Amino acid sequence: MKYSFNLEWSELSEELREKKIDEHIAYLFENNDLEMYSGKWKTLDDALEDLHLRDEVEEKIQMYFPIYF
């Protein structure tokens, strides 16, 4: 028997959403892909603490939701 459901970004726990945002920022920082966002960050900690960057990354991540299983 097959089951299917969709997962919305807003249905994820706040903790999981924050973790996914952190992971994406870390990935972008490690691959020098932060240029597409406004601002320059010298360290990963600076990037992770930038609220404007976090909002931009969250908006980008939301584009991939809902996820259908």
Protein backbone atom coordinates (compact mmCIF):
# COMPACT_ATOMS: atom_id res chain seq x y z
CA MET A 1 0.00 0.00 0.00
CA LYS A 2 1.36 3.42 -0.95
CA TYR A 3 0.92 6.50 1.19
CA SER A 4 1.48 10.08 0.21
CA PHE A 5 1.47 13.37 2.03
CA ASN A 6 2.93 16.82 1.66
CA LEU A 7 5.11 18.64 4.10
CA GLU A 8 4.83 22.41 4.47
CA TRP A 9 7.69 24.58 5.76
CA SER A 10 5.40 26.06 8.41
CA GLU A 11 4.65 22.57 9.72
CA LEU A 12 8.27 21.97 10.67
CA SER A 13 9.25 22.76 14.23
CA GLU A 14 11.00 26.09 14.81
CA GLU A 15 14.09 24.17 15.92
CA LEU A 16 14.22 22.17 12.68
CA ARG A 17 13.64 25.25 10.52
CA GLU A 18 16.50 27.08 12.29
CA LYS A 19 18.76 24.05 11.86
CA LYS A 20 18.00 23.89 8.11
CA ILE A 21 18.72 27.62 7.75
CA ASP A 22 22.02 27.23 9.63
CA GLU A 23 23.00 24.26 7.45
CA HIS A 24 22.23 26.15 4.26
CA ILE A 25 24.17 29.25 5.34
CA ALA A 26 27.14 27.04 6.33
CA TYR A 27 26.99 25.32 2.94
CA LEU A 28 26.90 28.66 1.11
CA PHE A 29 29.77 30.03 3.23
CA GLU A 30 31.96 26.96 2.67
CA ASN A 31 31.37 27.10 -1.08
CA ASN A 32 31.86 30.89 -1.33
CA ASP A 33 28.30 31.27 -2.65
CA LEU A 34 27.21 34.10 -0.35
CA GLU A 35 27.95 36.72 -3.02
CA MET A 36 24.39 36.38 -4.32
CA TYR A 37 23.17 37.81 -1.01
CA SER A 38 23.68 41.38 0.09
CA GLY A 39 26.58 41.91 2.45
CA LYS A 40 29.98 40.39 3.16
CA TRP A 41 30.80 38.12 6.05
CA LYS A 42 34.30 37.41 7.29
CA THR A 43 33.38 34.39 9.40
CA LEU A 44 30.67 31.78 9.42
CA ASP A 45 29.52 33.02 12.83
CA ASP A 46 28.98 36.50 11.36
CA ALA A 47 26.88 35.02 8.57
CA LEU A 48 24.85 32.83 10.95
CA GLU A 49 24.02 35.83 13.16
CA ASP A 50 22.93 38.12 10.31
CA LEU A 51 19.13 38.31 10.58
CA HIS A 52 18.70 39.76 7.09
CA LEU A 53 20.68 36.87 5.59
CA ARG A 54 18.67 34.37 7.64
CA ASP A 55 15.43 35.84 6.26
CA GLU A 56 16.73 35.68 2.68
CA VAL A 57 17.89 32.08 3.07
CA GLU A 58 14.60 31.05 4.68
CA GLU A 59 12.71 32.61 1.77
CA LYS A 60 14.85 30.65 -0.68
CA ILE A 61 14.33 27.39 1.22
CA GLN A 62 10.56 27.94 1.29
CA MET A 63 10.53 27.92 -2.51
CA TYR A 64 11.14 24.16 -2.36
CA PHE A 65 8.11 23.50 -0.18
CA PRO A 66 5.71 21.79 -0.05
CA ILE A 67 7.54 18.53 -0.37
CA TYR A 68 5.42 15.64 -1.56
CA PHE A 69 6.10 12.08 -0.43
